[in-house]
Amino acid sequence: MKKEELPQDKSALDNFTREVCYVKNKDGKYVTDLSEGWEVKSVALDNAWEEIERRTEEAKQKVLNGEASPVLYFLELKLMDLPVLAGYTGFMRWQIKRHMKPSVFKKLSTKKLQNYADVFEVSLEDFKNFNV
């Protein structure tokens, strides 16, 4: 791609970051230049964020309906999965799955709840009482 063809389309990351790309200069040599964005990537990024928002809202509704514990909501909100959360908390994946059940969550010790609250960067009270 020639330097003057480098896409400069606006995106959600417009004021946050730029992408380094290799382009050919006037002499035909490769150099680096910054791109503000590319429409195709912007659309893909917007779609990904919409999916994240949908999953987070779905998890929130499950917690509010008593179908899941706050662990599920904060897991989605913080863009984690079970292996990542297991690594941060020290709990096994099967334990985290159990902790997502409201009946099991209610019986968790303060120490375990505090562990989750610390990982999710919320207060213990907000985590326990699902204050979002």
C-alpha atoms as a PDB file:
ATOM      1  CA  MET A   1       0.000   0.000   0.000  1.00  0.00           C
ATOM      2  CA  LYS A   2       1.248   3.442  -0.825  1.00  0.00           C
ATOM      3  CA  LYS A   3       1.574   6.057   1.887  1.00  0.00           C
ATOM      4  CA  GLU A   4      -1.182   8.222   0.413  1.00  0.00           C
ATOM      5  CA  GLU A   5      -3.569   5.219   0.327  1.00  0.00           C
ATOM      6  CA  LEU A   6      -3.284   4.532   4.055  1.00  0.00           C
ATOM      7  CA  PRO A   7      -6.816   4.532   5.530  1.00  0.00           C
ATOM      8  CA  GLN A   8      -7.612   7.366   7.930  1.00  0.00           C
ATOM      9  CA  ASP A   9     -11.230   6.488   8.767  1.00  0.00           C
ATOM     10  CA  LYS A  10     -12.591   7.600  12.136  1.00  0.00           C
ATOM     11  CA  SER A  11     -13.449   4.899  14.682  1.00  0.00           C
ATOM     12  CA  ALA A  12     -14.370   4.381  18.327  1.00  0.00           C
ATOM     13  CA  LEU A  13     -10.656   4.436  19.136  1.00  0.00           C
ATOM     14  CA  ASP A  14     -10.139   7.733  17.309  1.00  0.00           C
ATOM     15  CA  ASN A  15      -8.742   9.735  20.232  1.00  0.00           C
ATOM     16  CA  PHE A  16      -7.315   6.716  22.009  1.00  0.00           C
ATOM     17  CA  THR A  17      -4.852   4.994  19.722  1.00  0.00           C
ATOM     18  CA  ARG A  18      -3.469   4.730  16.208  1.00  0.00           C
ATOM     19  CA  GLU A  19      -2.239   1.757  14.269  1.00  0.00           C
ATOM     20  CA  VAL A  20       1.278   1.474  12.880  1.00  0.00           C
ATOM     21  CA  CYS A  21       1.269   0.260   9.278  1.00  0.00           C
ATOM     22  CA  TYR A  22       3.973  -0.471   6.745  1.00  0.00           C
ATOM     23  CA  VAL A  23       3.550   1.550   3.559  1.00  0.00           C
ATOM     24  CA  LYS A  24       5.657   2.357   0.517  1.00  0.00           C
ATOM     25  CA  ASN A  25       7.040   5.874   0.235  1.00  0.00           C
ATOM     26  CA  LYS A  26       7.710   7.797  -2.996  1.00  0.00           C
ATOM     27  CA  ASP A  27      10.938   5.837  -3.537  1.00  0.00           C
ATOM     28  CA  GLY A  28       9.149   2.476  -3.217  1.00  0.00           C
ATOM     29  CA  LYS A  29      10.784   1.662   0.140  1.00  0.00           C
ATOM     30  CA  TYR A  30       8.792   0.423   3.086  1.00  0.00           C
ATOM     31  CA  VAL A  31       8.357   2.880   5.959  1.00  0.00           C
ATOM     32  CA  THR A  32       6.016   3.030   8.912  1.00  0.00           C
ATOM     33  CA  ASP A  33       3.110   5.452   9.166  1.00  0.00           C
ATOM     34  CA  LEU A  34       0.159   5.905  11.505  1.00  0.00           C
ATOM     35  CA  SER A  35      -3.428   5.152  10.553  1.00  0.00           C
ATOM     36  CA  GLU A  36      -6.353   6.611  12.498  1.00  0.00           C
ATOM     37  CA  GLY A  37      -8.517   3.688  11.466  1.00  0.00           C
ATOM     38  CA  TRP A  38     -10.055   1.663   8.725  1.00  0.00           C
ATOM     39  CA  GLU A  39     -13.805   1.423   8.159  1.00  0.00           C
ATOM     40  CA  VAL A  40     -13.832  -2.387   8.054  1.00  0.00           C
ATOM     41  CA  LYS A  41     -11.990  -2.628  11.371  1.00  0.00           C
ATOM     42  CA  SER A  42     -14.228   0.055  12.847  1.00  0.00           C
ATOM     43  CA  VAL A  43     -17.366  -1.901  11.954  1.00  0.00           C
ATOM     44  CA  ALA A  44     -15.873  -5.115  13.371  1.00  0.00           C
ATOM     45  CA  LEU A  45     -14.903  -3.323  16.584  1.00  0.00           C
ATOM     46  CA  ASP A  46     -18.367  -1.788  16.942  1.00  0.00           C
ATOM     47  CA  ASN A  47     -19.952  -5.220  16.448  1.00  0.00           C
ATOM     48  CA  ALA A  48     -17.692  -6.729  19.097  1.00  0.00           C
ATOM     49  CA  TRP A  49     -18.606  -4.021  21.621  1.00  0.00           C
ATOM     50  CA  GLU A  50     -22.312  -4.502  20.876  1.00  0.00           C
ATOM     51  CA  GLU A  51     -21.925  -8.210  21.617  1.00  0.00           C
ATOM     52  CA  ILE A  52     -20.105  -7.452  24.879  1.00  0.00           C
ATOM     53  CA  GLU A  53     -22.857  -5.033  25.914  1.00  0.00           C
ATOM     54  CA  ARG A  54     -25.531  -7.618  25.032  1.00  0.00           C
ATOM     55  CA  ARG A  55     -23.830 -10.343  27.064  1.00  0.00           C
ATOM     56  CA  THR A  56     -23.327  -8.010  30.023  1.00  0.00           C
ATOM     57  CA  GLU A  57     -26.980  -6.937  29.969  1.00  0.00           C
ATOM     58  CA  GLU A  58     -28.085 -10.565  29.677  1.00  0.00           C
ATOM     59  CA  ALA A  59     -25.944 -11.492  32.700  1.00  0.00           C
ATOM     60  CA  LYS A  60     -27.381  -8.538  34.646  1.00  0.00           C
ATOM     61  CA  GLN A  61     -30.920  -9.704  33.944  1.00  0.00           C
ATOM     62  CA  LYS A  62     -30.060 -13.242  35.054  1.00  0.00           C
ATOM     63  CA  VAL A  63     -28.753 -11.887  38.363  1.00  0.00           C
ATOM     64  CA  LEU A  64     -31.799  -9.667  38.852  1.00  0.00           C
ATOM     65  CA  ASN A  65     -34.110 -12.623  38.045  1.00  0.00           C
ATOM     66  CA  GLY A  66     -32.316 -14.846  40.570  1.00  0.00           C
ATOM     67  CA  GLU A  67     -30.968 -17.184  37.893  1.00  0.00           C
ATOM     68  CA  ALA A  68     -27.284 -16.366  38.489  1.00  0.00           C
ATOM     69  CA  SER A  69     -25.030 -14.735  41.062  1.00  0.00           C
ATOM     70  CA  PRO A  70     -23.136 -11.456  40.650  1.00  0.00           C
ATOM     71  CA  VAL A  71     -20.059 -13.489  39.711  1.00  0.00           C
ATOM     72  CA  LEU A  72     -21.511 -14.003  36.217  1.00  0.00           C
ATOM     73  CA  TYR A  73     -22.261 -10.306  35.706  1.00  0.00           C
ATOM     74  CA  PHE A  74     -18.863  -9.057  36.821  1.00  0.00           C
ATOM     75  CA  LEU A  75     -17.127 -11.787  34.827  1.00  0.00           C
ATOM     76  CA  GLU A  76     -18.832 -10.455  31.687  1.00  0.00           C
ATOM     77  CA  LEU A  77     -18.383  -6.801  32.654  1.00  0.00           C
ATOM     78  CA  LYS A  78     -14.625  -7.208  33.160  1.00  0.00           C
ATOM     79  CA  LEU A  79     -14.250  -9.172  29.898  1.00  0.00           C
ATOM     80  CA  MET A  80     -13.012 -12.314  31.629  1.00  0.00           C
ATOM     81  CA  ASP A  81     -13.622 -16.002  31.107  1.00  0.00           C
ATOM     82  CA  LEU A  82     -13.388 -18.890  33.566  1.00  0.00           C
ATOM     83  CA  PRO A  83      -9.669 -19.635  33.108  1.00  0.00           C
ATOM     84  CA  VAL A  84      -8.757 -15.960  33.566  1.00  0.00           C
ATOM     85  CA  LEU A  85     -10.960 -15.562  36.643  1.00  0.00           C
ATOM     86  CA  ALA A  86      -9.583 -18.810  38.073  1.00  0.00           C
ATOM     87  CA  GLY A  87      -6.076 -17.476  37.622  1.00  0.00           C
ATOM     88  CA  TYR A  88      -6.851 -14.231  39.445  1.00  0.00           C
ATOM     89  CA  THR A  89      -8.910 -15.726  42.290  1.00  0.00           C
ATOM     90  CA  GLY A  90      -7.143 -19.020  42.858  1.00  0.00           C
ATOM     91  CA  PHE A  91     -10.485 -20.849  42.646  1.00  0.00           C
ATOM     92  CA  MET A  92     -10.899 -23.829  40.365  1.00  0.00           C
ATOM     93  CA  ARG A  93     -13.136 -23.362  37.323  1.00  0.00           C
ATOM     94  CA  TRP A  94     -15.703 -25.803  38.655  1.00  0.00           C
ATOM     95  CA  GLN A  95     -15.833 -23.832  41.899  1.00  0.00           C
ATOM     96  CA  ILE A  96     -16.469 -20.584  40.032  1.00  0.00           C
ATOM     97  CA  LYS A  97     -19.289 -22.266  38.095  1.00  0.00           C
ATOM     98  CA  ARG A  98     -20.827 -23.308  41.412  1.00  0.00           C
ATOM     99  CA  HIS A  99     -20.363 -19.790  42.810  1.00  0.00           C
ATOM    100  CA  MET A 100     -22.472 -18.528  39.900  1.00  0.00           C
ATOM    101  CA  LYS A 101     -25.487 -20.296  41.400  1.00  0.00           C
ATOM    102  CA  PRO A 102     -27.420 -17.931  43.708  1.00  0.00           C
ATOM    103  CA  SER A 103     -27.950 -20.634  46.353  1.00  0.00           C
ATOM    104  CA  VAL A 104     -24.218 -21.356  46.567  1.00  0.00           C
ATOM    105  CA  PHE A 105     -23.266 -17.670  46.332  1.00  0.00           C
ATOM    106  CA  LYS A 106     -25.348 -16.847  49.420  1.00  0.00           C
ATOM    107  CA  LYS A 107     -23.306 -19.322  51.461  1.00  0.00           C
ATOM    108  CA  LEU A 108     -19.855 -18.066  50.421  1.00  0.00           C
ATOM    109  CA  SER A 109     -17.591 -16.824  53.186  1.00  0.00           C
ATOM    110  CA  THR A 110     -16.681 -13.168  53.464  1.00  0.00           C
ATOM    111  CA  LYS A 111     -13.106 -14.090  52.584  1.00  0.00           C
ATOM    112  CA  LYS A 112     -14.151 -15.667  49.264  1.00  0.00           C
ATOM    113  CA  LEU A 113     -16.496 -12.795  48.477  1.00  0.00           C
ATOM    114  CA  GLN A 114     -13.734 -10.296  49.238  1.00  0.00           C
ATOM    115  CA  ASN A 115     -11.438 -12.217  46.898  1.00  0.00           C
ATOM    116  CA  TYR A 116     -13.957 -11.787  44.083  1.00  0.00           C
ATOM    117  CA  ALA A 117     -14.587  -8.129  44.972  1.00  0.00           C
ATOM    118  CA  ASP A 118     -10.860  -7.394  44.844  1.00  0.00           C
ATOM    119  CA  VAL A 119     -10.481  -9.064  41.456  1.00  0.00           C
ATOM    120  CA  PHE A 120     -13.530  -7.258  40.054  1.00  0.00           C
ATOM    121  CA  GLU A 121     -12.384  -3.963  41.618  1.00  0.00           C
ATOM    122  CA  VAL A 122     -15.635  -3.295  43.492  1.00  0.00           C
ATOM    123  CA  SER A 123     -16.427  -2.953  47.169  1.00  0.00           C
ATOM    124  CA  LEU A 124     -17.495  -6.040  49.076  1.00  0.00           C
ATOM    125  CA  GLU A 125     -20.926  -4.522  49.775  1.00  0.00           C
ATOM    126  CA  ASP A 126     -21.505  -3.604  46.134  1.00  0.00           C
ATOM    127  CA  PHE A 127     -20.482  -7.098  45.082  1.00  0.00           C
ATOM    128  CA  LYS A 128     -22.600  -8.919  47.664  1.00  0.00           C
ATOM    129  CA  ASN A 129     -25.676  -6.742  47.153  1.00  0.00           C
ATOM    130  CA  PHE A 130     -25.217  -6.341  43.398  1.00  0.00           C
ATOM    131  CA  ASN A 131     -25.160  -2.558  43.425  1.00  0.00           C
ATOM    132  CA  VAL A 132     -24.470  -1.669  39.792  1.00  0.00           C
END
